[in-house]
Amino acid sequence: MTTQDAGRMTTEPPGGRSGPLRMLRLTWYLSGVSLHRLTEYRLDFLLGAGSFAVRLTLQAVVVGIVFLHVPTIGGWDYYQVLFLLGYSFLPRGLDHLFTDQLWEVGRKLVQRGEFYRYLIRPVNPLYLVLSERFCYPDGLGELLTGLFTAGFAASRLGLHLTPLRIALTAGLVVCGALIHSSVKLLFASLSFWTTTSLSAMTAANDIADFTRYPMDIYHGPLRWLLTWPLPYAFTSYVPASYLLFGSTRYLWWTPVVTAVAVAVSYRVWSAGVARYETTGS
């Protein structure tokens, strides 16, 4: 079966059963189901949250050891770097909370010919993929860990946020999550041409870790890579620089970069879905 065949089966008139309001209701319902499942399997959540807490603690310890020998790194002191480290978990956690199922697209759904089941239902295939793992507990753990760490660092720095800055920060976190999701979607979509793209997704995900530290310490080519082709700088470094130092050099580029990232990744996804054919097993 090709997606042209499936498209004829799932086409609906505007405002039909797959309209925006129905998507919102489905999202609300499925998120509630996931949260209910979380209350039933609390140990899973505690283990997930605990793993992120241990991971961030180890990173903070490593950074602390470095600061025993130098007063600043790229002009950032210890608590400023700790704030950046904690903040970087917020957009990653929000992305993790709603789009973690994309890893299965790159890992096996196309390779094993299982993707076709998303094409025979009267809902957008991308939404169907994502909805299988809404409110993923590990993402909630990542968010809580990041909030605690960034909040602790902010208190030590005497950082006070006005209501306007809090609202702007929330918007920046959402933009950062969308950028993470877009990069993930882009590399997951490559599986429609290569049957599996897990290695590429893993590599792109690992590169994002560079922006957990001040980008001033990296050479120009790496900073350029992390700012434009893979715009991870806008997920943590740019907003943290604004909150800590008032730097707006790249801040106003954030919504533009986010919109471009979302548009490009969705276009590649749509092209991949259009050419999809089951591979069999």
C-alpha atoms as a PDB file:
ATOM      1  CA  MET A   1       0.000   0.000   0.000  1.00  0.00           C
ATOM      2  CA  THR A   2       1.255   3.509  -0.816  1.00  0.00           C
ATOM      3  CA  THR A   3       0.263   6.670   1.001  1.00  0.00           C
ATOM      4  CA  GLN A   4      -1.666   7.834  -2.047  1.00  0.00           C
ATOM      5  CA  ASP A   5      -4.012   4.878  -1.461  1.00  0.00           C
ATOM      6  CA  ALA A   6      -4.136   5.566   2.252  1.00  0.00           C
ATOM      7  CA  GLY A   7      -4.694   9.254   1.621  1.00  0.00           C
ATOM      8  CA  ARG A   8      -7.891   8.505  -0.298  1.00  0.00           C
ATOM      9  CA  MET A   9      -9.076   6.424   2.647  1.00  0.00           C
ATOM     10  CA  THR A  10      -8.402   9.145   5.230  1.00  0.00           C
ATOM     11  CA  THR A  11      -9.388  12.310   3.368  1.00  0.00           C
ATOM     12  CA  GLU A  12     -12.065  14.318   5.132  1.00  0.00           C
ATOM     13  CA  PRO A  13     -13.753  17.642   4.399  1.00  0.00           C
ATOM     14  CA  PRO A  14     -12.459  20.756   6.231  1.00  0.00           C
ATOM     15  CA  GLY A  15     -13.799  20.957   9.745  1.00  0.00           C
ATOM     16  CA  GLY A  16     -14.606  17.237   9.738  1.00  0.00           C
ATOM     17  CA  ARG A  17     -13.713  14.659  12.284  1.00  0.00           C
ATOM     18  CA  SER A  18      -9.986  15.519  12.138  1.00  0.00           C
ATOM     19  CA  GLY A  19     -10.486  19.274  12.736  1.00  0.00           C
ATOM     20  CA  PRO A  20      -8.435  21.314  15.248  1.00  0.00           C
ATOM     21  CA  LEU A  21     -11.037  21.108  18.011  1.00  0.00           C
ATOM     22  CA  ARG A  22     -11.115  17.324  17.784  1.00  0.00           C
ATOM     23  CA  MET A  23      -7.318  17.245  17.953  1.00  0.00           C
ATOM     24  CA  LEU A  24      -7.380  19.352  21.099  1.00  0.00           C
ATOM     25  CA  ARG A  25      -9.986  17.095  22.695  1.00  0.00           C
ATOM     26  CA  LEU A  26      -8.006  14.012  21.761  1.00  0.00           C
ATOM     27  CA  THR A  27      -4.811  15.517  23.155  1.00  0.00           C
ATOM     28  CA  TRP A  28      -6.544  16.389  26.422  1.00  0.00           C
ATOM     29  CA  TYR A  29      -8.052  12.924  26.697  1.00  0.00           C
ATOM     30  CA  LEU A  30      -4.854  11.033  25.815  1.00  0.00           C
ATOM     31  CA  SER A  31      -2.776  13.191  28.155  1.00  0.00           C
ATOM     32  CA  GLY A  32      -5.230  12.389  30.930  1.00  0.00           C
ATOM     33  CA  VAL A  33      -4.927   8.678  30.172  1.00  0.00           C
ATOM     34  CA  SER A  34      -1.138   8.941  30.335  1.00  0.00           C
ATOM     35  CA  LEU A  35      -1.233  10.809  33.633  1.00  0.00           C
ATOM     36  CA  HIS A  36      -3.633   8.212  35.037  1.00  0.00           C
ATOM     37  CA  ARG A  37      -1.193   5.522  33.972  1.00  0.00           C
ATOM     38  CA  LEU A  38       1.523   7.476  35.768  1.00  0.00           C
ATOM     39  CA  THR A  39      -0.405   7.209  39.039  1.00  0.00           C
ATOM     40  CA  GLU A  40      -0.721   3.454  38.525  1.00  0.00           C
ATOM     41  CA  TYR A  41       2.985   2.925  37.835  1.00  0.00           C
ATOM     42  CA  ARG A  42       4.621   5.421  40.166  1.00  0.00           C
ATOM     43  CA  LEU A  43       7.843   3.463  40.401  1.00  0.00           C
ATOM     44  CA  ASP A  44       8.443   3.950  36.661  1.00  0.00           C
ATOM     45  CA  PHE A  45       8.146   7.703  37.109  1.00  0.00           C
ATOM     46  CA  LEU A  46      10.415   7.729  40.150  1.00  0.00           C
ATOM     47  CA  LEU A  47      13.057   5.714  38.332  1.00  0.00           C
ATOM     48  CA  GLY A  48      12.848   7.986  35.278  1.00  0.00           C
ATOM     49  CA  ALA A  49      12.989  11.178  37.315  1.00  0.00           C
ATOM     50  CA  GLY A  50      15.758   9.725  39.462  1.00  0.00           C
ATOM     51  CA  SER A  51      17.887   8.907  36.432  1.00  0.00           C
ATOM     52  CA  PHE A  52      17.709  12.512  35.215  1.00  0.00           C
ATOM     53  CA  ALA A  53      18.479  13.812  38.701  1.00  0.00           C
ATOM     54  CA  VAL A  54      21.562  11.590  38.924  1.00  0.00           C
ATOM     55  CA  ARG A  55      22.638  12.587  35.420  1.00  0.00           C
ATOM     56  CA  LEU A  56      22.328  16.309  36.113  1.00  0.00           C
ATOM     57  CA  THR A  57      24.015  15.951  39.507  1.00  0.00           C
ATOM     58  CA  LEU A  58      27.016  14.241  37.933  1.00  0.00           C
ATOM     59  CA  GLN A  59      27.258  16.977  35.293  1.00  0.00           C
ATOM     60  CA  ALA A  60      27.054  19.647  38.016  1.00  0.00           C
ATOM     61  CA  VAL A  61      29.817  17.893  39.971  1.00  0.00           C
ATOM     62  CA  VAL A  62      32.047  17.751  36.889  1.00  0.00           C
ATOM     63  CA  VAL A  63      31.471  21.464  36.263  1.00  0.00           C
ATOM     64  CA  GLY A  64      32.199  22.154  39.943  1.00  0.00           C
ATOM     65  CA  ILE A  65      35.519  20.318  39.702  1.00  0.00           C
ATOM     66  CA  VAL A  66      36.467  22.472  36.715  1.00  0.00           C
ATOM     67  CA  PHE A  67      35.639  25.632  38.680  1.00  0.00           C
ATOM     68  CA  LEU A  68      37.982  24.543  41.459  1.00  0.00           C
ATOM     69  CA  HIS A  69      40.804  25.391  39.057  1.00  0.00           C
ATOM     70  CA  VAL A  70      39.410  28.353  37.106  1.00  0.00           C
ATOM     71  CA  PRO A  71      37.166  31.241  38.255  1.00  0.00           C
ATOM     72  CA  THR A  72      35.126  31.474  35.057  1.00  0.00           C
ATOM     73  CA  ILE A  73      34.511  29.573  31.823  1.00  0.00           C
ATOM     74  CA  GLY A  74      33.966  31.769  28.799  1.00  0.00           C
ATOM     75  CA  GLY A  75      33.005  34.589  31.165  1.00  0.00           C
ATOM     76  CA  TRP A  76      30.447  32.452  33.046  1.00  0.00           C
ATOM     77  CA  ASP A  77      30.796  31.590  36.741  1.00  0.00           C
ATOM     78  CA  TYR A  78      29.713  28.334  38.371  1.00  0.00           C
ATOM     79  CA  TYR A  79      26.109  29.232  39.196  1.00  0.00           C
ATOM     80  CA  GLN A  80      25.575  30.786  35.784  1.00  0.00           C
ATOM     81  CA  VAL A  81      26.725  27.571  34.127  1.00  0.00           C
ATOM     82  CA  LEU A  82      24.542  25.597  36.547  1.00  0.00           C
ATOM     83  CA  PHE A  83      21.561  27.767  35.573  1.00  0.00           C
ATOM     84  CA  LEU A  84      22.271  27.113  31.888  1.00  0.00           C
ATOM     85  CA  LEU A  85      22.568  23.400  32.598  1.00  0.00           C
ATOM     86  CA  GLY A  86      19.240  23.304  34.453  1.00  0.00           C
ATOM     87  CA  TYR A  87      17.467  25.483  31.904  1.00  0.00           C
ATOM     88  CA  SER A  88      18.592  23.193  29.062  1.00  0.00           C
ATOM     89  CA  PHE A  89      16.521  20.400  30.623  1.00  0.00           C
ATOM     90  CA  LEU A  90      13.283  22.399  30.320  1.00  0.00           C
ATOM     91  CA  PRO A  91      12.788  22.450  26.517  1.00  0.00           C
ATOM     92  CA  ARG A  92      14.268  18.955  26.281  1.00  0.00           C
ATOM     93  CA  GLY A  93      11.814  17.743  28.912  1.00  0.00           C
ATOM     94  CA  LEU A  94       8.835  19.361  27.176  1.00  0.00           C
ATOM     95  CA  ASP A  95       9.897  17.810  23.888  1.00  0.00           C
ATOM     96  CA  HIS A  96      10.443  14.466  25.612  1.00  0.00           C
ATOM     97  CA  LEU A  97       6.985  14.709  27.149  1.00  0.00           C
ATOM     98  CA  PHE A  98       5.122  14.781  23.829  1.00  0.00           C
ATOM     99  CA  THR A  99       7.330  13.580  20.944  1.00  0.00           C
ATOM    100  CA  ASP A 100       9.354  10.671  22.278  1.00  0.00           C
ATOM    101  CA  GLN A 101       7.538   8.218  19.992  1.00  0.00           C
ATOM    102  CA  LEU A 102       9.421   9.666  16.997  1.00  0.00           C
ATOM    103  CA  TRP A 103      12.355   7.506  18.031  1.00  0.00           C
ATOM    104  CA  GLU A 104      10.292   4.480  17.054  1.00  0.00           C
ATOM    105  CA  VAL A 105       9.834   5.890  13.539  1.00  0.00           C
ATOM    106  CA  GLY A 106      13.568   6.135  13.061  1.00  0.00           C
ATOM    107  CA  ARG A 107      14.221   2.831  14.796  1.00  0.00           C
ATOM    108  CA  LYS A 108      11.703   0.334  13.435  1.00  0.00           C
ATOM    109  CA  LEU A 109       8.249   1.486  12.265  1.00  0.00           C
ATOM    110  CA  VAL A 110       9.324   2.075   8.667  1.00  0.00           C
ATOM    111  CA  GLN A 111      11.899  -0.692   8.571  1.00  0.00           C
ATOM    112  CA  ARG A 112       9.403  -3.333   9.728  1.00  0.00           C
ATOM    113  CA  GLY A 113       6.564  -2.059   7.566  1.00  0.00           C
ATOM    114  CA  GLU A 114       4.472  -1.113  10.602  1.00  0.00           C
ATOM    115  CA  PHE A 115       3.966   2.542   9.679  1.00  0.00           C
ATOM    116  CA  TYR A 116       1.013   1.750   7.401  1.00  0.00           C
ATOM    117  CA  ARG A 117      -1.339   1.464  10.380  1.00  0.00           C
ATOM    118  CA  TYR A 118      -1.088   5.238  10.898  1.00  0.00           C
ATOM    119  CA  LEU A 119      -2.278   5.833   7.343  1.00  0.00           C
ATOM    120  CA  ILE A 120      -5.596   4.010   7.503  1.00  0.00           C
ATOM    121  CA  ARG A 121      -7.107   6.062  10.297  1.00  0.00           C
ATOM    122  CA  PRO A 122      -8.949   9.390   9.873  1.00  0.00           C
ATOM    123  CA  VAL A 123      -6.354  11.405  11.803  1.00  0.00           C
ATOM    124  CA  ASN A 124      -3.095  13.068  10.766  1.00  0.00           C
ATOM    125  CA  PRO A 125      -0.380  10.330  10.761  1.00  0.00           C
ATOM    126  CA  LEU A 126       2.104  12.491  12.674  1.00  0.00           C
ATOM    127  CA  TYR A 127      -0.455  13.150  15.387  1.00  0.00           C
ATOM    128  CA  LEU A 128      -1.216   9.440  15.627  1.00  0.00           C
ATOM    129  CA  VAL A 129       2.471   8.604  16.033  1.00  0.00           C
ATOM    130  CA  LEU A 130       2.975  11.201  18.760  1.00  0.00           C
ATOM    131  CA  SER A 131      -0.250  10.318  20.589  1.00  0.00           C
ATOM    132  CA  GLU A 132       1.018   6.840  21.424  1.00  0.00           C
ATOM    133  CA  ARG A 133       3.309   8.322  24.057  1.00  0.00           C
ATOM    134  CA  PHE A 134       1.793  11.584  25.319  1.00  0.00           C
ATOM    135  CA  CYS A 135       2.922  12.754  28.780  1.00  0.00           C
ATOM    136  CA  TYR A 136       5.821  10.311  28.829  1.00  0.00           C
ATOM    137  CA  PRO A 137       6.899  10.062  32.494  1.00  0.00           C
ATOM    138  CA  ASP A 138      10.617  10.520  31.786  1.00  0.00           C
ATOM    139  CA  GLY A 139       9.840  13.889  30.203  1.00  0.00           C
ATOM    140  CA  LEU A 140       8.024  15.010  33.342  1.00  0.00           C
ATOM    141  CA  GLY A 141      11.005  13.921  35.418  1.00  0.00           C
ATOM    142  CA  GLU A 142      13.345  15.878  33.143  1.00  0.00           C
ATOM    143  CA  LEU A 143      11.181  18.992  33.503  1.00  0.00           C
ATOM    144  CA  LEU A 144      11.075  18.785  37.305  1.00  0.00           C
ATOM    145  CA  THR A 145      14.821  18.190  37.525  1.00  0.00           C
ATOM    146  CA  GLY A 146      15.532  21.155  35.271  1.00  0.00           C
ATOM    147  CA  LEU A 147      13.145  23.434  37.187  1.00  0.00           C
ATOM    148  CA  PHE A 148      14.752  22.550  40.512  1.00  0.00           C
ATOM    149  CA  THR A 149      18.313  23.062  39.256  1.00  0.00           C
ATOM    150  CA  ALA A 150      17.616  26.300  37.379  1.00  0.00           C
ATOM    151  CA  GLY A 151      15.603  27.611  40.341  1.00  0.00           C
ATOM    152  CA  PHE A 152      18.395  26.785  42.797  1.00  0.00           C
ATOM    153  CA  ALA A 153      21.024  28.478  40.620  1.00  0.00           C
ATOM    154  CA  ALA A 154      18.774  31.504  40.080  1.00  0.00           C
ATOM    155  CA  SER A 155      18.326  31.912  43.844  1.00  0.00           C
ATOM    156  CA  ARG A 156      22.092  31.853  44.391  1.00  0.00           C
ATOM    157  CA  LEU A 157      22.538  34.421  41.633  1.00  0.00           C
ATOM    158  CA  GLY A 158      19.798  36.651  43.032  1.00  0.00           C
ATOM    159  CA  LEU A 159      17.962  36.431  39.719  1.00  0.00           C
ATOM    160  CA  HIS A 160      14.493  37.940  39.985  1.00  0.00           C
ATOM    161  CA  LEU A 161      12.025  37.516  37.137  1.00  0.00           C
ATOM    162  CA  THR A 162       9.259  40.010  36.433  1.00  0.00           C
ATOM    163  CA  PRO A 163       5.868  38.701  35.236  1.00  0.00           C
ATOM    164  CA  LEU A 164       6.804  39.821  31.711  1.00  0.00           C
ATOM    165  CA  ARG A 165      10.075  37.897  31.829  1.00  0.00           C
ATOM    166  CA  ILE A 166       8.322  34.828  33.220  1.00  0.00           C
ATOM    167  CA  ALA A 167       5.867  34.914  30.307  1.00  0.00           C
ATOM    168  CA  LEU A 168       8.728  35.427  27.837  1.00  0.00           C
ATOM    169  CA  THR A 169      10.684  32.587  29.431  1.00  0.00           C
ATOM    170  CA  ALA A 170       7.696  30.250  29.045  1.00  0.00           C
ATOM    171  CA  GLY A 171       7.499  31.194  25.373  1.00  0.00           C
ATOM    172  CA  LEU A 172      11.229  30.597  24.928  1.00  0.00           C
ATOM    173  CA  VAL A 173      10.930  27.156  26.535  1.00  0.00           C
ATOM    174  CA  VAL A 174       8.113  26.272  24.115  1.00  0.00           C
ATOM    175  CA  CYS A 175      10.196  27.523  21.170  1.00  0.00           C
ATOM    176  CA  GLY A 176      13.153  25.460  22.383  1.00  0.00           C
ATOM    177  CA  ALA A 177      10.970  22.360  22.675  1.00  0.00           C
ATOM    178  CA  LEU A 178       9.661  22.891  19.140  1.00  0.00           C
ATOM    179  CA  ILE A 179      13.217  23.177  17.827  1.00  0.00           C
ATOM    180  CA  HIS A 180      14.196  19.927  19.546  1.00  0.00           C
ATOM    181  CA  SER A 181      11.083  18.252  18.163  1.00  0.00           C
ATOM    182  CA  SER A 182      11.719  19.612  14.670  1.00  0.00           C
ATOM    183  CA  VAL A 183      15.279  18.310  14.528  1.00  0.00           C
ATOM    184  CA  LYS A 184      14.086  14.960  15.845  1.00  0.00           C
ATOM    185  CA  LEU A 185      11.273  14.865  13.264  1.00  0.00           C
ATOM    186  CA  LEU A 186      13.663  15.790  10.447  1.00  0.00           C
ATOM    187  CA  PHE A 187      16.055  12.952  11.193  1.00  0.00           C
ATOM    188  CA  ALA A 188      13.267  10.479  11.946  1.00  0.00           C
ATOM    189  CA  SER A 189      11.799  11.294   8.517  1.00  0.00           C
ATOM    190  CA  LEU A 190      15.000  10.153   6.822  1.00  0.00           C
ATOM    191  CA  SER A 191      13.896   6.598   7.583  1.00  0.00           C
ATOM    192  CA  PHE A 192      11.365   6.873   4.733  1.00  0.00           C
ATOM    193  CA  TRP A 193      14.347   6.909   2.377  1.00  0.00           C
ATOM    194  CA  THR A 194      16.836   4.789   4.371  1.00  0.00           C
ATOM    195  CA  THR A 195      14.337   2.493   6.241  1.00  0.00           C
ATOM    196  CA  THR A 196      16.091   3.327   9.526  1.00  0.00           C
ATOM    197  CA  SER A 197      17.651   6.543  10.785  1.00  0.00           C
ATOM    198  CA  LEU A 198      18.330   5.777  14.435  1.00  0.00           C
ATOM    199  CA  SER A 199      22.068   6.470  14.153  1.00  0.00           C
ATOM    200  CA  ALA A 200      21.455   9.898  12.630  1.00  0.00           C
ATOM    201  CA  MET A 201      18.846  10.721  15.294  1.00  0.00           C
ATOM    202  CA  THR A 202      21.232   9.681  18.064  1.00  0.00           C
ATOM    203  CA  ALA A 203      24.065  11.757  16.633  1.00  0.00           C
ATOM    204  CA  ALA A 204      21.856  14.850  16.328  1.00  0.00           C
ATOM    205  CA  ASN A 205      20.542  14.330  19.860  1.00  0.00           C
ATOM    206  CA  ASP A 206      24.078  14.021  21.256  1.00  0.00           C
ATOM    207  CA  ILE A 207      25.183  17.211  19.495  1.00  0.00           C
ATOM    208  CA  ALA A 208      22.507  19.094  21.431  1.00  0.00           C
ATOM    209  CA  ASP A 209      24.420  18.377  24.644  1.00  0.00           C
ATOM    210  CA  PHE A 210      27.052  20.944  23.611  1.00  0.00           C
ATOM    211  CA  THR A 211      24.576  23.741  24.328  1.00  0.00           C
ATOM    212  CA  ARG A 212      24.368  22.783  27.971  1.00  0.00           C
ATOM    213  CA  TYR A 213      27.583  24.753  28.428  1.00  0.00           C
ATOM    214  CA  PRO A 214      28.553  28.309  27.367  1.00  0.00           C
ATOM    215  CA  MET A 215      29.036  28.348  23.614  1.00  0.00           C
ATOM    216  CA  ASP A 216      31.730  30.989  24.022  1.00  0.00           C
ATOM    217  CA  ILE A 217      34.183  28.163  24.785  1.00  0.00           C
ATOM    218  CA  TYR A 218      33.760  26.559  21.351  1.00  0.00           C
ATOM    219  CA  HIS A 219      35.454  27.392  18.069  1.00  0.00           C
ATOM    220  CA  GLY A 220      33.568  29.397  15.435  1.00  0.00           C
ATOM    221  CA  PRO A 221      32.588  26.503  13.122  1.00  0.00           C
ATOM    222  CA  LEU A 222      30.963  24.579  15.992  1.00  0.00           C
ATOM    223  CA  ARG A 223      29.128  27.676  17.204  1.00  0.00           C
ATOM    224  CA  TRP A 224      27.838  28.244  13.660  1.00  0.00           C
ATOM    225  CA  LEU A 225      26.683  24.613  13.407  1.00  0.00           C
ATOM    226  CA  LEU A 226      24.811  24.878  16.709  1.00  0.00           C
ATOM    227  CA  THR A 227      23.232  28.206  15.790  1.00  0.00           C
ATOM    228  CA  TRP A 228      21.972  27.730  12.232  1.00  0.00           C
ATOM    229  CA  PRO A 229      22.049  24.228  10.638  1.00  0.00           C
ATOM    230  CA  LEU A 230      21.168  22.568  13.962  1.00  0.00           C
ATOM    231  CA  PRO A 231      19.759  25.550  15.902  1.00  0.00           C
ATOM    232  CA  TYR A 232      20.157  24.105  19.382  1.00  0.00           C
ATOM    233  CA  ALA A 233      21.669  27.394  20.619  1.00  0.00           C
ATOM    234  CA  PHE A 234      18.151  28.838  20.614  1.00  0.00           C
ATOM    235  CA  THR A 235      16.949  26.126  22.993  1.00  0.00           C
ATOM    236  CA  SER A 236      19.188  27.009  25.941  1.00  0.00           C
ATOM    237  CA  TYR A 237      22.214  29.277  25.378  1.00  0.00           C
ATOM    238  CA  VAL A 238      20.338  32.209  23.791  1.00  0.00           C
ATOM    239  CA  PRO A 239      17.492  32.367  26.364  1.00  0.00           C
ATOM    240  CA  ALA A 240      19.866  31.771  29.289  1.00  0.00           C
ATOM    241  CA  SER A 241      22.151  34.580  28.040  1.00  0.00           C
ATOM    242  CA  TYR A 242      19.136  36.877  27.972  1.00  0.00           C
ATOM    243  CA  LEU A 243      17.940  35.939  31.450  1.00  0.00           C
ATOM    244  CA  LEU A 244      21.402  36.164  33.017  1.00  0.00           C
ATOM    245  CA  PHE A 245      23.022  39.038  31.141  1.00  0.00           C
ATOM    246  CA  GLY A 246      20.196  40.752  29.271  1.00  0.00           C
ATOM    247  CA  SER A 247      21.751  39.781  25.942  1.00  0.00           C
ATOM    248  CA  THR A 248      19.286  40.108  23.056  1.00  0.00           C
ATOM    249  CA  ARG A 249      21.749  39.532  20.202  1.00  0.00           C
ATOM    250  CA  TYR A 250      19.972  36.431  18.914  1.00  0.00           C
ATOM    251  CA  LEU A 251      16.871  36.480  21.123  1.00  0.00           C
ATOM    252  CA  TRP A 252      14.500  37.954  18.534  1.00  0.00           C
ATOM    253  CA  TRP A 253      15.644  35.390  15.986  1.00  0.00           C
ATOM    254  CA  THR A 254      14.194  32.631  18.173  1.00  0.00           C
ATOM    255  CA  PRO A 255      10.578  32.657  16.850  1.00  0.00           C
ATOM    256  CA  VAL A 256      11.840  32.957  13.263  1.00  0.00           C
ATOM    257  CA  VAL A 257      14.247  30.040  13.629  1.00  0.00           C
ATOM    258  CA  THR A 258      11.533  28.021  15.367  1.00  0.00           C
ATOM    259  CA  ALA A 259       9.018  28.630  12.579  1.00  0.00           C
ATOM    260  CA  VAL A 260      11.570  27.724   9.891  1.00  0.00           C
ATOM    261  CA  ALA A 261      12.627  24.565  11.739  1.00  0.00           C
ATOM    262  CA  VAL A 262       9.018  23.412  12.153  1.00  0.00           C
ATOM    263  CA  ALA A 263       8.152  24.160   8.518  1.00  0.00           C
ATOM    264  CA  VAL A 264      11.226  22.442   7.060  1.00  0.00           C
ATOM    265  CA  SER A 265      10.949  19.333   9.220  1.00  0.00           C
ATOM    266  CA  TYR A 266       7.215  18.924   8.544  1.00  0.00           C
ATOM    267  CA  ARG A 267       7.773  19.353   4.817  1.00  0.00           C
ATOM    268  CA  VAL A 268      10.406  16.604   4.839  1.00  0.00           C
ATOM    269  CA  TRP A 269       8.086  14.416   6.920  1.00  0.00           C
ATOM    270  CA  SER A 270       5.203  14.962   4.488  1.00  0.00           C
ATOM    271  CA  ALA A 271       7.441  14.128   1.516  1.00  0.00           C
ATOM    272  CA  GLY A 272       8.541  10.943   3.262  1.00  0.00           C
ATOM    273  CA  VAL A 273       4.985   9.896   4.103  1.00  0.00           C
ATOM    274  CA  ALA A 274       3.940  10.527   0.487  1.00  0.00           C
ATOM    275  CA  ARG A 275       6.554   8.093  -0.816  1.00  0.00           C
ATOM    276  CA  TYR A 276       6.123   5.457   1.887  1.00  0.00           C
ATOM    277  CA  GLU A 277       5.529   1.875   0.846  1.00  0.00           C
ATOM    278  CA  THR A 278       5.343  -1.040   3.261  1.00  0.00           C
ATOM    279  CA  THR A 279       8.540  -3.066   3.365  1.00  0.00           C
ATOM    280  CA  GLY A 280       6.993  -6.266   4.660  1.00  0.00           C
ATOM    281  CA  SER A 281       8.544  -8.358   7.390  1.00  0.00           C
END
